Amino acid sequence: AIGSAIGNASGSAAATGSAEAVPPA
């Protein structure tokens, strides 16, 4: 469950924008 949450958080971030998306770093 925690691993899915981590993966979903990354995917959700990428889905919020294209060129404007903020990388996790």
PDBML (XML) file of the C-alpha atoms, coordinates in Angstrom:
<?xml version="1.0" encoding="UTF-8" ?>
<PDBx:datablock datablockName="MODEL"
   xmlns:PDBx="http://pdbml.pdb.org/schema/pdbx-v50.xsd"
   xmlns:xsi="http://www.w3.org/2001/XMLSchema-instance"
   xsi:schemaLocation="http://pdbml.pdb.org/schema/pdbx-v50.xsd pdbx-v50.xsd">
   <PDBx:atom_siteCategory>
      <PDBx:atom_site id="1">
         <PDBx:B_iso_or_equiv>0.00</PDBx:B_iso_or_equiv>
         <PDBx:Cartn_x>0.000</PDBx:Cartn_x>
         <PDBx:Cartn_y>0.000</PDBx:Cartn_y>
         <PDBx:Cartn_z>0.000</PDBx:Cartn_z>
         <PDBx:auth_asym_id>A</PDBx:auth_asym_id>
         <PDBx:auth_atom_id>CA</PDBx:auth_atom_id>
         <PDBx:auth_comp_id>ALA</PDBx:auth_comp_id>
         <PDBx:auth_seq_id>1</PDBx:auth_seq_id>
         <PDBx:group_PDB>ATOM</PDBx:group_PDB>
         <PDBx:label_alt_id xsi:nil="true" />
         <PDBx:label_asym_id>A</PDBx:label_asym_id>
         <PDBx:label_atom_id>CA</PDBx:label_atom_id>
         <PDBx:label_comp_id>ALA</PDBx:label_comp_id>
         <PDBx:label_entity_id>1</PDBx:label_entity_id>
         <PDBx:label_seq_id>1</PDBx:label_seq_id>
         <PDBx:occupancy>1.00</PDBx:occupancy>
         <PDBx:pdbx_PDB_model_num>1</PDBx:pdbx_PDB_model_num>
         <PDBx:type_symbol>C</PDBx:type_symbol>
      </PDBx:atom_site>
      <PDBx:atom_site id="2">
         <PDBx:B_iso_or_equiv>0.00</PDBx:B_iso_or_equiv>
         <PDBx:Cartn_x>2.783</PDBx:Cartn_x>
         <PDBx:Cartn_y>2.428</PDBx:Cartn_y>
         <PDBx:Cartn_z>0.877</PDBx:Cartn_z>
         <PDBx:auth_asym_id>A</PDBx:auth_asym_id>
         <PDBx:auth_atom_id>CA</PDBx:auth_atom_id>
         <PDBx:auth_comp_id>ILE</PDBx:auth_comp_id>
         <PDBx:auth_seq_id>2</PDBx:auth_seq_id>
         <PDBx:group_PDB>ATOM</PDBx:group_PDB>
         <PDBx:label_alt_id xsi:nil="true" />
         <PDBx:label_asym_id>A</PDBx:label_asym_id>
         <PDBx:label_atom_id>CA</PDBx:label_atom_id>
         <PDBx:label_comp_id>ILE</PDBx:label_comp_id>
         <PDBx:label_entity_id>1</PDBx:label_entity_id>
         <PDBx:label_seq_id>2</PDBx:label_seq_id>
         <PDBx:occupancy>1.00</PDBx:occupancy>
         <PDBx:pdbx_PDB_model_num>1</PDBx:pdbx_PDB_model_num>
         <PDBx:type_symbol>C</PDBx:type_symbol>
      </PDBx:atom_site>
      <PDBx:atom_site id="3">
         <PDBx:B_iso_or_equiv>0.00</PDBx:B_iso_or_equiv>
         <PDBx:Cartn_x>4.649</PDBx:Cartn_x>
         <PDBx:Cartn_y>1.537</PDBx:Cartn_y>
         <PDBx:Cartn_z>-2.309</PDBx:Cartn_z>
         <PDBx:auth_asym_id>A</PDBx:auth_asym_id>
         <PDBx:auth_atom_id>CA</PDBx:auth_atom_id>
         <PDBx:auth_comp_id>GLY</PDBx:auth_comp_id>
         <PDBx:auth_seq_id>3</PDBx:auth_seq_id>
         <PDBx:group_PDB>ATOM</PDBx:group_PDB>
         <PDBx:label_alt_id xsi:nil="true" />
         <PDBx:label_asym_id>A</PDBx:label_asym_id>
         <PDBx:label_atom_id>CA</PDBx:label_atom_id>
         <PDBx:label_comp_id>GLY</PDBx:label_comp_id>
         <PDBx:label_entity_id>1</PDBx:label_entity_id>
         <PDBx:label_seq_id>3</PDBx:label_seq_id>
         <PDBx:occupancy>1.00</PDBx:occupancy>
         <PDBx:pdbx_PDB_model_num>1</PDBx:pdbx_PDB_model_num>
         <PDBx:type_symbol>C</PDBx:type_symbol>
      </PDBx:atom_site>
      <PDBx:atom_site id="4">
         <PDBx:B_iso_or_equiv>0.00</PDBx:B_iso_or_equiv>
         <PDBx:Cartn_x>1.505</PDBx:Cartn_x>
         <PDBx:Cartn_y>2.213</PDBx:Cartn_y>
         <PDBx:Cartn_z>-4.338</PDBx:Cartn_z>
         <PDBx:auth_asym_id>A</PDBx:auth_asym_id>
         <PDBx:auth_atom_id>CA</PDBx:auth_atom_id>
         <PDBx:auth_comp_id>SER</PDBx:auth_comp_id>
         <PDBx:auth_seq_id>4</PDBx:auth_seq_id>
         <PDBx:group_PDB>ATOM</PDBx:group_PDB>
         <PDBx:label_alt_id xsi:nil="true" />
         <PDBx:label_asym_id>A</PDBx:label_asym_id>
         <PDBx:label_atom_id>CA</PDBx:label_atom_id>
         <PDBx:label_comp_id>SER</PDBx:label_comp_id>
         <PDBx:label_entity_id>1</PDBx:label_entity_id>
         <PDBx:label_seq_id>4</PDBx:label_seq_id>
         <PDBx:occupancy>1.00</PDBx:occupancy>
         <PDBx:pdbx_PDB_model_num>1</PDBx:pdbx_PDB_model_num>
         <PDBx:type_symbol>C</PDBx:type_symbol>
      </PDBx:atom_site>
      <PDBx:atom_site id="5">
         <PDBx:B_iso_or_equiv>0.00</PDBx:B_iso_or_equiv>
         <PDBx:Cartn_x>1.082</PDBx:Cartn_x>
         <PDBx:Cartn_y>5.571</PDBx:Cartn_y>
         <PDBx:Cartn_z>-2.616</PDBx:Cartn_z>
         <PDBx:auth_asym_id>A</PDBx:auth_asym_id>
         <PDBx:auth_atom_id>CA</PDBx:auth_atom_id>
         <PDBx:auth_comp_id>ALA</PDBx:auth_comp_id>
         <PDBx:auth_seq_id>5</PDBx:auth_seq_id>
         <PDBx:group_PDB>ATOM</PDBx:group_PDB>
         <PDBx:label_alt_id xsi:nil="true" />
         <PDBx:label_asym_id>A</PDBx:label_asym_id>
         <PDBx:label_atom_id>CA</PDBx:label_atom_id>
         <PDBx:label_comp_id>ALA</PDBx:label_comp_id>
         <PDBx:label_entity_id>1</PDBx:label_entity_id>
         <PDBx:label_seq_id>5</PDBx:label_seq_id>
         <PDBx:occupancy>1.00</PDBx:occupancy>
         <PDBx:pdbx_PDB_model_num>1</PDBx:pdbx_PDB_model_num>
         <PDBx:type_symbol>C</PDBx:type_symbol>
      </PDBx:atom_site>
      <PDBx:atom_site id="6">
         <PDBx:B_iso_or_equiv>0.00</PDBx:B_iso_or_equiv>
         <PDBx:Cartn_x>4.654</PDBx:Cartn_x>
         <PDBx:Cartn_y>6.508</PDBx:Cartn_y>
         <PDBx:Cartn_z>-3.499</PDBx:Cartn_z>
         <PDBx:auth_asym_id>A</PDBx:auth_asym_id>
         <PDBx:auth_atom_id>CA</PDBx:auth_atom_id>
         <PDBx:auth_comp_id>ILE</PDBx:auth_comp_id>
         <PDBx:auth_seq_id>6</PDBx:auth_seq_id>
         <PDBx:group_PDB>ATOM</PDBx:group_PDB>
         <PDBx:label_alt_id xsi:nil="true" />
         <PDBx:label_asym_id>A</PDBx:label_asym_id>
         <PDBx:label_atom_id>CA</PDBx:label_atom_id>
         <PDBx:label_comp_id>ILE</PDBx:label_comp_id>
         <PDBx:label_entity_id>1</PDBx:label_entity_id>
         <PDBx:label_seq_id>6</PDBx:label_seq_id>
         <PDBx:occupancy>1.00</PDBx:occupancy>
         <PDBx:pdbx_PDB_model_num>1</PDBx:pdbx_PDB_model_num>
         <PDBx:type_symbol>C</PDBx:type_symbol>
      </PDBx:atom_site>
      <PDBx:atom_site id="7">
         <PDBx:B_iso_or_equiv>0.00</PDBx:B_iso_or_equiv>
         <PDBx:Cartn_x>4.151</PDBx:Cartn_x>
         <PDBx:Cartn_y>5.504</PDBx:Cartn_y>
         <PDBx:Cartn_z>-7.117</PDBx:Cartn_z>
         <PDBx:auth_asym_id>A</PDBx:auth_asym_id>
         <PDBx:auth_atom_id>CA</PDBx:auth_atom_id>
         <PDBx:auth_comp_id>GLY</PDBx:auth_comp_id>
         <PDBx:auth_seq_id>7</PDBx:auth_seq_id>
         <PDBx:group_PDB>ATOM</PDBx:group_PDB>
         <PDBx:label_alt_id xsi:nil="true" />
         <PDBx:label_asym_id>A</PDBx:label_asym_id>
         <PDBx:label_atom_id>CA</PDBx:label_atom_id>
         <PDBx:label_comp_id>GLY</PDBx:label_comp_id>
         <PDBx:label_entity_id>1</PDBx:label_entity_id>
         <PDBx:label_seq_id>7</PDBx:label_seq_id>
         <PDBx:occupancy>1.00</PDBx:occupancy>
         <PDBx:pdbx_PDB_model_num>1</PDBx:pdbx_PDB_model_num>
         <PDBx:type_symbol>C</PDBx:type_symbol>
      </PDBx:atom_site>
      <PDBx:atom_site id="8">
         <PDBx:B_iso_or_equiv>0.00</PDBx:B_iso_or_equiv>
         <PDBx:Cartn_x>0.781</PDBx:Cartn_x>
         <PDBx:Cartn_y>7.254</PDBx:Cartn_y>
         <PDBx:Cartn_z>-7.333</PDBx:Cartn_z>
         <PDBx:auth_asym_id>A</PDBx:auth_asym_id>
         <PDBx:auth_atom_id>CA</PDBx:auth_atom_id>
         <PDBx:auth_comp_id>ASN</PDBx:auth_comp_id>
         <PDBx:auth_seq_id>8</PDBx:auth_seq_id>
         <PDBx:group_PDB>ATOM</PDBx:group_PDB>
         <PDBx:label_alt_id xsi:nil="true" />
         <PDBx:label_asym_id>A</PDBx:label_asym_id>
         <PDBx:label_atom_id>CA</PDBx:label_atom_id>
         <PDBx:label_comp_id>ASN</PDBx:label_comp_id>
         <PDBx:label_entity_id>1</PDBx:label_entity_id>
         <PDBx:label_seq_id>8</PDBx:label_seq_id>
         <PDBx:occupancy>1.00</PDBx:occupancy>
         <PDBx:pdbx_PDB_model_num>1</PDBx:pdbx_PDB_model_num>
         <PDBx:type_symbol>C</PDBx:type_symbol>
      </PDBx:atom_site>
      <PDBx:atom_site id="9">
         <PDBx:B_iso_or_equiv>0.00</PDBx:B_iso_or_equiv>
         <PDBx:Cartn_x>2.201</PDBx:Cartn_x>
         <PDBx:Cartn_y>10.481</PDBx:Cartn_y>
         <PDBx:Cartn_z>-5.929</PDBx:Cartn_z>
         <PDBx:auth_asym_id>A</PDBx:auth_asym_id>
         <PDBx:auth_atom_id>CA</PDBx:auth_atom_id>
         <PDBx:auth_comp_id>ALA</PDBx:auth_comp_id>
         <PDBx:auth_seq_id>9</PDBx:auth_seq_id>
         <PDBx:group_PDB>ATOM</PDBx:group_PDB>
         <PDBx:label_alt_id xsi:nil="true" />
         <PDBx:label_asym_id>A</PDBx:label_asym_id>
         <PDBx:label_atom_id>CA</PDBx:label_atom_id>
         <PDBx:label_comp_id>ALA</PDBx:label_comp_id>
         <PDBx:label_entity_id>1</PDBx:label_entity_id>
         <PDBx:label_seq_id>9</PDBx:label_seq_id>
         <PDBx:occupancy>1.00</PDBx:occupancy>
         <PDBx:pdbx_PDB_model_num>1</PDBx:pdbx_PDB_model_num>
         <PDBx:type_symbol>C</PDBx:type_symbol>
      </PDBx:atom_site>
      <PDBx:atom_site id="10">
         <PDBx:B_iso_or_equiv>0.00</PDBx:B_iso_or_equiv>
         <PDBx:Cartn_x>4.846</PDBx:Cartn_x>
         <PDBx:Cartn_y>10.513</PDBx:Cartn_y>
         <PDBx:Cartn_z>-8.645</PDBx:Cartn_z>
         <PDBx:auth_asym_id>A</PDBx:auth_asym_id>
         <PDBx:auth_atom_id>CA</PDBx:auth_atom_id>
         <PDBx:auth_comp_id>SER</PDBx:auth_comp_id>
         <PDBx:auth_seq_id>10</PDBx:auth_seq_id>
         <PDBx:group_PDB>ATOM</PDBx:group_PDB>
         <PDBx:label_alt_id xsi:nil="true" />
         <PDBx:label_asym_id>A</PDBx:label_asym_id>
         <PDBx:label_atom_id>CA</PDBx:label_atom_id>
         <PDBx:label_comp_id>SER</PDBx:label_comp_id>
         <PDBx:label_entity_id>1</PDBx:label_entity_id>
         <PDBx:label_seq_id>10</PDBx:label_seq_id>
         <PDBx:occupancy>1.00</PDBx:occupancy>
         <PDBx:pdbx_PDB_model_num>1</PDBx:pdbx_PDB_model_num>
         <PDBx:type_symbol>C</PDBx:type_symbol>
      </PDBx:atom_site>
      <PDBx:atom_site id="11">
         <PDBx:B_iso_or_equiv>0.00</PDBx:B_iso_or_equiv>
         <PDBx:Cartn_x>2.321</PDBx:Cartn_x>
         <PDBx:Cartn_y>9.705</PDBx:Cartn_y>
         <PDBx:Cartn_z>-11.355</PDBx:Cartn_z>
         <PDBx:auth_asym_id>A</PDBx:auth_asym_id>
         <PDBx:auth_atom_id>CA</PDBx:auth_atom_id>
         <PDBx:auth_comp_id>GLY</PDBx:auth_comp_id>
         <PDBx:auth_seq_id>11</PDBx:auth_seq_id>
         <PDBx:group_PDB>ATOM</PDBx:group_PDB>
         <PDBx:label_alt_id xsi:nil="true" />
         <PDBx:label_asym_id>A</PDBx:label_asym_id>
         <PDBx:label_atom_id>CA</PDBx:label_atom_id>
         <PDBx:label_comp_id>GLY</PDBx:label_comp_id>
         <PDBx:label_entity_id>1</PDBx:label_entity_id>
         <PDBx:label_seq_id>11</PDBx:label_seq_id>
         <PDBx:occupancy>1.00</PDBx:occupancy>
         <PDBx:pdbx_PDB_model_num>1</PDBx:pdbx_PDB_model_num>
         <PDBx:type_symbol>C</PDBx:type_symbol>
      </PDBx:atom_site>
      <PDBx:atom_site id="12">
         <PDBx:B_iso_or_equiv>0.00</PDBx:B_iso_or_equiv>
         <PDBx:Cartn_x>-0.131</PDBx:Cartn_x>
         <PDBx:Cartn_y>12.341</PDBx:Cartn_y>
         <PDBx:Cartn_z>-10.146</PDBx:Cartn_z>
         <PDBx:auth_asym_id>A</PDBx:auth_asym_id>
         <PDBx:auth_atom_id>CA</PDBx:auth_atom_id>
         <PDBx:auth_comp_id>SER</PDBx:auth_comp_id>
         <PDBx:auth_seq_id>12</PDBx:auth_seq_id>
         <PDBx:group_PDB>ATOM</PDBx:group_PDB>
         <PDBx:label_alt_id xsi:nil="true" />
         <PDBx:label_asym_id>A</PDBx:label_asym_id>
         <PDBx:label_atom_id>CA</PDBx:label_atom_id>
         <PDBx:label_comp_id>SER</PDBx:label_comp_id>
         <PDBx:label_entity_id>1</PDBx:label_entity_id>
         <PDBx:label_seq_id>12</PDBx:label_seq_id>
         <PDBx:occupancy>1.00</PDBx:occupancy>
         <PDBx:pdbx_PDB_model_num>1</PDBx:pdbx_PDB_model_num>
         <PDBx:type_symbol>C</PDBx:type_symbol>
      </PDBx:atom_site>
      <PDBx:atom_site id="13">
         <PDBx:B_iso_or_equiv>0.00</PDBx:B_iso_or_equiv>
         <PDBx:Cartn_x>2.585</PDBx:Cartn_x>
         <PDBx:Cartn_y>14.984</PDBx:Cartn_y>
         <PDBx:Cartn_z>-10.184</PDBx:Cartn_z>
         <PDBx:auth_asym_id>A</PDBx:auth_asym_id>
         <PDBx:auth_atom_id>CA</PDBx:auth_atom_id>
         <PDBx:auth_comp_id>ALA</PDBx:auth_comp_id>
         <PDBx:auth_seq_id>13</PDBx:auth_seq_id>
         <PDBx:group_PDB>ATOM</PDBx:group_PDB>
         <PDBx:label_alt_id xsi:nil="true" />
         <PDBx:label_asym_id>A</PDBx:label_asym_id>
         <PDBx:label_atom_id>CA</PDBx:label_atom_id>
         <PDBx:label_comp_id>ALA</PDBx:label_comp_id>
         <PDBx:label_entity_id>1</PDBx:label_entity_id>
         <PDBx:label_seq_id>13</PDBx:label_seq_id>
         <PDBx:occupancy>1.00</PDBx:occupancy>
         <PDBx:pdbx_PDB_model_num>1</PDBx:pdbx_PDB_model_num>
         <PDBx:type_symbol>C</PDBx:type_symbol>
      </PDBx:atom_site>
      <PDBx:atom_site id="14">
         <PDBx:B_iso_or_equiv>0.00</PDBx:B_iso_or_equiv>
         <PDBx:Cartn_x>3.549</PDBx:Cartn_x>
         <PDBx:Cartn_y>14.137</PDBx:Cartn_y>
         <PDBx:Cartn_z>-13.748</PDBx:Cartn_z>
         <PDBx:auth_asym_id>A</PDBx:auth_asym_id>
         <PDBx:auth_atom_id>CA</PDBx:auth_atom_id>
         <PDBx:auth_comp_id>ALA</PDBx:auth_comp_id>
         <PDBx:auth_seq_id>14</PDBx:auth_seq_id>
         <PDBx:group_PDB>ATOM</PDBx:group_PDB>
         <PDBx:label_alt_id xsi:nil="true" />
         <PDBx:label_asym_id>A</PDBx:label_asym_id>
         <PDBx:label_atom_id>CA</PDBx:label_atom_id>
         <PDBx:label_comp_id>ALA</PDBx:label_comp_id>
         <PDBx:label_entity_id>1</PDBx:label_entity_id>
         <PDBx:label_seq_id>14</PDBx:label_seq_id>
         <PDBx:occupancy>1.00</PDBx:occupancy>
         <PDBx:pdbx_PDB_model_num>1</PDBx:pdbx_PDB_model_num>
         <PDBx:type_symbol>C</PDBx:type_symbol>
      </PDBx:atom_site>
      <PDBx:atom_site id="15">
         <PDBx:B_iso_or_equiv>0.00</PDBx:B_iso_or_equiv>
         <PDBx:Cartn_x>-0.078</PDBx:Cartn_x>
         <PDBx:Cartn_y>14.254</PDBx:Cartn_y>
         <PDBx:Cartn_z>-14.807</PDBx:Cartn_z>
         <PDBx:auth_asym_id>A</PDBx:auth_asym_id>
         <PDBx:auth_atom_id>CA</PDBx:auth_atom_id>
         <PDBx:auth_comp_id>ALA</PDBx:auth_comp_id>
         <PDBx:auth_seq_id>15</PDBx:auth_seq_id>
         <PDBx:group_PDB>ATOM</PDBx:group_PDB>
         <PDBx:label_alt_id xsi:nil="true" />
         <PDBx:label_asym_id>A</PDBx:label_asym_id>
         <PDBx:label_atom_id>CA</PDBx:label_atom_id>
         <PDBx:label_comp_id>ALA</PDBx:label_comp_id>
         <PDBx:label_entity_id>1</PDBx:label_entity_id>
         <PDBx:label_seq_id>15</PDBx:label_seq_id>
         <PDBx:occupancy>1.00</PDBx:occupancy>
         <PDBx:pdbx_PDB_model_num>1</PDBx:pdbx_PDB_model_num>
         <PDBx:type_symbol>C</PDBx:type_symbol>
      </PDBx:atom_site>
      <PDBx:atom_site id="16">
         <PDBx:B_iso_or_equiv>0.00</PDBx:B_iso_or_equiv>
         <PDBx:Cartn_x>-0.662</PDBx:Cartn_x>
         <PDBx:Cartn_y>17.805</PDBx:Cartn_y>
         <PDBx:Cartn_z>-13.572</PDBx:Cartn_z>
         <PDBx:auth_asym_id>A</PDBx:auth_asym_id>
         <PDBx:auth_atom_id>CA</PDBx:auth_atom_id>
         <PDBx:auth_comp_id>THR</PDBx:auth_comp_id>
         <PDBx:auth_seq_id>16</PDBx:auth_seq_id>
         <PDBx:group_PDB>ATOM</PDBx:group_PDB>
         <PDBx:label_alt_id xsi:nil="true" />
         <PDBx:label_asym_id>A</PDBx:label_asym_id>
         <PDBx:label_atom_id>CA</PDBx:label_atom_id>
         <PDBx:label_comp_id>THR</PDBx:label_comp_id>
         <PDBx:label_entity_id>1</PDBx:label_entity_id>
         <PDBx:label_seq_id>16</PDBx:label_seq_id>
         <PDBx:occupancy>1.00</PDBx:occupancy>
         <PDBx:pdbx_PDB_model_num>1</PDBx:pdbx_PDB_model_num>
         <PDBx:type_symbol>C</PDBx:type_symbol>
      </PDBx:atom_site>
      <PDBx:atom_site id="17">
         <PDBx:B_iso_or_equiv>0.00</PDBx:B_iso_or_equiv>
         <PDBx:Cartn_x>1.186</PDBx:Cartn_x>
         <PDBx:Cartn_y>19.482</PDBx:Cartn_y>
         <PDBx:Cartn_z>-16.406</PDBx:Cartn_z>
         <PDBx:auth_asym_id>A</PDBx:auth_asym_id>
         <PDBx:auth_atom_id>CA</PDBx:auth_atom_id>
         <PDBx:auth_comp_id>GLY</PDBx:auth_comp_id>
         <PDBx:auth_seq_id>17</PDBx:auth_seq_id>
         <PDBx:group_PDB>ATOM</PDBx:group_PDB>
         <PDBx:label_alt_id xsi:nil="true" />
         <PDBx:label_asym_id>A</PDBx:label_asym_id>
         <PDBx:label_atom_id>CA</PDBx:label_atom_id>
         <PDBx:label_comp_id>GLY</PDBx:label_comp_id>
         <PDBx:label_entity_id>1</PDBx:label_entity_id>
         <PDBx:label_seq_id>17</PDBx:label_seq_id>
         <PDBx:occupancy>1.00</PDBx:occupancy>
         <PDBx:pdbx_PDB_model_num>1</PDBx:pdbx_PDB_model_num>
         <PDBx:type_symbol>C</PDBx:type_symbol>
      </PDBx:atom_site>
      <PDBx:atom_site id="18">
         <PDBx:B_iso_or_equiv>0.00</PDBx:B_iso_or_equiv>
         <PDBx:Cartn_x>3.545</PDBx:Cartn_x>
         <PDBx:Cartn_y>19.032</PDBx:Cartn_y>
         <PDBx:Cartn_z>-19.296</PDBx:Cartn_z>
         <PDBx:auth_asym_id>A</PDBx:auth_asym_id>
         <PDBx:auth_atom_id>CA</PDBx:auth_atom_id>
         <PDBx:auth_comp_id>SER</PDBx:auth_comp_id>
         <PDBx:auth_seq_id>18</PDBx:auth_seq_id>
         <PDBx:group_PDB>ATOM</PDBx:group_PDB>
         <PDBx:label_alt_id xsi:nil="true" />
         <PDBx:label_asym_id>A</PDBx:label_asym_id>
         <PDBx:label_atom_id>CA</PDBx:label_atom_id>
         <PDBx:label_comp_id>SER</PDBx:label_comp_id>
         <PDBx:label_entity_id>1</PDBx:label_entity_id>
         <PDBx:label_seq_id>18</PDBx:label_seq_id>
         <PDBx:occupancy>1.00</PDBx:occupancy>
         <PDBx:pdbx_PDB_model_num>1</PDBx:pdbx_PDB_model_num>
         <PDBx:type_symbol>C</PDBx:type_symbol>
      </PDBx:atom_site>
      <PDBx:atom_site id="19">
         <PDBx:B_iso_or_equiv>0.00</PDBx:B_iso_or_equiv>
         <PDBx:Cartn_x>6.381</PDBx:Cartn_x>
         <PDBx:Cartn_y>21.501</PDBx:Cartn_y>
         <PDBx:Cartn_z>-19.672</PDBx:Cartn_z>
         <PDBx:auth_asym_id>A</PDBx:auth_asym_id>
         <PDBx:auth_atom_id>CA</PDBx:auth_atom_id>
         <PDBx:auth_comp_id>ALA</PDBx:auth_comp_id>
         <PDBx:auth_seq_id>19</PDBx:auth_seq_id>
         <PDBx:group_PDB>ATOM</PDBx:group_PDB>
         <PDBx:label_alt_id xsi:nil="true" />
         <PDBx:label_asym_id>A</PDBx:label_asym_id>
         <PDBx:label_atom_id>CA</PDBx:label_atom_id>
         <PDBx:label_comp_id>ALA</PDBx:label_comp_id>
         <PDBx:label_entity_id>1</PDBx:label_entity_id>
         <PDBx:label_seq_id>19</PDBx:label_seq_id>
         <PDBx:occupancy>1.00</PDBx:occupancy>
         <PDBx:pdbx_PDB_model_num>1</PDBx:pdbx_PDB_model_num>
         <PDBx:type_symbol>C</PDBx:type_symbol>
      </PDBx:atom_site>
      <PDBx:atom_site id="20">
         <PDBx:B_iso_or_equiv>0.00</PDBx:B_iso_or_equiv>
         <PDBx:Cartn_x>5.365</PDBx:Cartn_x>
         <PDBx:Cartn_y>23.101</PDBx:Cartn_y>
         <PDBx:Cartn_z>-16.367</PDBx:Cartn_z>
         <PDBx:auth_asym_id>A</PDBx:auth_asym_id>
         <PDBx:auth_atom_id>CA</PDBx:auth_atom_id>
         <PDBx:auth_comp_id>GLU</PDBx:auth_comp_id>
         <PDBx:auth_seq_id>20</PDBx:auth_seq_id>
         <PDBx:group_PDB>ATOM</PDBx:group_PDB>
         <PDBx:label_alt_id xsi:nil="true" />
         <PDBx:label_asym_id>A</PDBx:label_asym_id>
         <PDBx:label_atom_id>CA</PDBx:label_atom_id>
         <PDBx:label_comp_id>GLU</PDBx:label_comp_id>
         <PDBx:label_entity_id>1</PDBx:label_entity_id>
         <PDBx:label_seq_id>20</PDBx:label_seq_id>
         <PDBx:occupancy>1.00</PDBx:occupancy>
         <PDBx:pdbx_PDB_model_num>1</PDBx:pdbx_PDB_model_num>
         <PDBx:type_symbol>C</PDBx:type_symbol>
      </PDBx:atom_site>
      <PDBx:atom_site id="21">
         <PDBx:B_iso_or_equiv>0.00</PDBx:B_iso_or_equiv>
         <PDBx:Cartn_x>5.549</PDBx:Cartn_x>
         <PDBx:Cartn_y>19.862</PDBx:Cartn_y>
         <PDBx:Cartn_z>-14.343</PDBx:Cartn_z>
         <PDBx:auth_asym_id>A</PDBx:auth_asym_id>
         <PDBx:auth_atom_id>CA</PDBx:auth_atom_id>
         <PDBx:auth_comp_id>ALA</PDBx:auth_comp_id>
         <PDBx:auth_seq_id>21</PDBx:auth_seq_id>
         <PDBx:group_PDB>ATOM</PDBx:group_PDB>
         <PDBx:label_alt_id xsi:nil="true" />
         <PDBx:label_asym_id>A</PDBx:label_asym_id>
         <PDBx:label_atom_id>CA</PDBx:label_atom_id>
         <PDBx:label_comp_id>ALA</PDBx:label_comp_id>
         <PDBx:label_entity_id>1</PDBx:label_entity_id>
         <PDBx:label_seq_id>21</PDBx:label_seq_id>
         <PDBx:occupancy>1.00</PDBx:occupancy>
         <PDBx:pdbx_PDB_model_num>1</PDBx:pdbx_PDB_model_num>
         <PDBx:type_symbol>C</PDBx:type_symbol>
      </PDBx:atom_site>
      <PDBx:atom_site id="22">
         <PDBx:B_iso_or_equiv>0.00</PDBx:B_iso_or_equiv>
         <PDBx:Cartn_x>7.971</PDBx:Cartn_x>
         <PDBx:Cartn_y>20.124</PDBx:Cartn_y>
         <PDBx:Cartn_z>-11.429</PDBx:Cartn_z>
         <PDBx:auth_asym_id>A</PDBx:auth_asym_id>
         <PDBx:auth_atom_id>CA</PDBx:auth_atom_id>
         <PDBx:auth_comp_id>VAL</PDBx:auth_comp_id>
         <PDBx:auth_seq_id>22</PDBx:auth_seq_id>
         <PDBx:group_PDB>ATOM</PDBx:group_PDB>
         <PDBx:label_alt_id xsi:nil="true" />
         <PDBx:label_asym_id>A</PDBx:label_asym_id>
         <PDBx:label_atom_id>CA</PDBx:label_atom_id>
         <PDBx:label_comp_id>VAL</PDBx:label_comp_id>
         <PDBx:label_entity_id>1</PDBx:label_entity_id>
         <PDBx:label_seq_id>22</PDBx:label_seq_id>
         <PDBx:occupancy>1.00</PDBx:occupancy>
         <PDBx:pdbx_PDB_model_num>1</PDBx:pdbx_PDB_model_num>
         <PDBx:type_symbol>C</PDBx:type_symbol>
      </PDBx:atom_site>
      <PDBx:atom_site id="23">
         <PDBx:B_iso_or_equiv>0.00</PDBx:B_iso_or_equiv>
         <PDBx:Cartn_x>10.428</PDBx:Cartn_x>
         <PDBx:Cartn_y>17.205</PDBx:Cartn_y>
         <PDBx:Cartn_z>-11.104</PDBx:Cartn_z>
         <PDBx:auth_asym_id>A</PDBx:auth_asym_id>
         <PDBx:auth_atom_id>CA</PDBx:auth_atom_id>
         <PDBx:auth_comp_id>PRO</PDBx:auth_comp_id>
         <PDBx:auth_seq_id>23</PDBx:auth_seq_id>
         <PDBx:group_PDB>ATOM</PDBx:group_PDB>
         <PDBx:label_alt_id xsi:nil="true" />
         <PDBx:label_asym_id>A</PDBx:label_asym_id>
         <PDBx:label_atom_id>CA</PDBx:label_atom_id>
         <PDBx:label_comp_id>PRO</PDBx:label_comp_id>
         <PDBx:label_entity_id>1</PDBx:label_entity_id>
         <PDBx:label_seq_id>23</PDBx:label_seq_id>
         <PDBx:occupancy>1.00</PDBx:occupancy>
         <PDBx:pdbx_PDB_model_num>1</PDBx:pdbx_PDB_model_num>
         <PDBx:type_symbol>C</PDBx:type_symbol>
      </PDBx:atom_site>
      <PDBx:atom_site id="24">
         <PDBx:B_iso_or_equiv>0.00</PDBx:B_iso_or_equiv>
         <PDBx:Cartn_x>10.713</PDBx:Cartn_x>
         <PDBx:Cartn_y>15.552</PDBx:Cartn_y>
         <PDBx:Cartn_z>-7.681</PDBx:Cartn_z>
         <PDBx:auth_asym_id>A</PDBx:auth_asym_id>
         <PDBx:auth_atom_id>CA</PDBx:auth_atom_id>
         <PDBx:auth_comp_id>PRO</PDBx:auth_comp_id>
         <PDBx:auth_seq_id>24</PDBx:auth_seq_id>
         <PDBx:group_PDB>ATOM</PDBx:group_PDB>
         <PDBx:label_alt_id xsi:nil="true" />
         <PDBx:label_asym_id>A</PDBx:label_asym_id>
         <PDBx:label_atom_id>CA</PDBx:label_atom_id>
         <PDBx:label_comp_id>PRO</PDBx:label_comp_id>
         <PDBx:label_entity_id>1</PDBx:label_entity_id>
         <PDBx:label_seq_id>24</PDBx:label_seq_id>
         <PDBx:occupancy>1.00</PDBx:occupancy>
         <PDBx:pdbx_PDB_model_num>1</PDBx:pdbx_PDB_model_num>
         <PDBx:type_symbol>C</PDBx:type_symbol>
      </PDBx:atom_site>
      <PDBx:atom_site id="25">
         <PDBx:B_iso_or_equiv>0.00</PDBx:B_iso_or_equiv>
         <PDBx:Cartn_x>14.309</PDBx:Cartn_x>
         <PDBx:Cartn_y>16.738</PDBx:Cartn_y>
         <PDBx:Cartn_z>-7.237</PDBx:Cartn_z>
         <PDBx:auth_asym_id>A</PDBx:auth_asym_id>
         <PDBx:auth_atom_id>CA</PDBx:auth_atom_id>
         <PDBx:auth_comp_id>ALA</PDBx:auth_comp_id>
         <PDBx:auth_seq_id>25</PDBx:auth_seq_id>
         <PDBx:group_PDB>ATOM</PDBx:group_PDB>
         <PDBx:label_alt_id xsi:nil="true" />
         <PDBx:label_asym_id>A</PDBx:label_asym_id>
         <PDBx:label_atom_id>CA</PDBx:label_atom_id>
         <PDBx:label_comp_id>ALA</PDBx:label_comp_id>
         <PDBx:label_entity_id>1</PDBx:label_entity_id>
         <PDBx:label_seq_id>25</PDBx:label_seq_id>
         <PDBx:occupancy>1.00</PDBx:occupancy>
         <PDBx:pdbx_PDB_model_num>1</PDBx:pdbx_PDB_model_num>
         <PDBx:type_symbol>C</PDBx:type_symbol>
      </PDBx:atom_site>
   </PDBx:atom_siteCategory>
</PDBx:datablock>
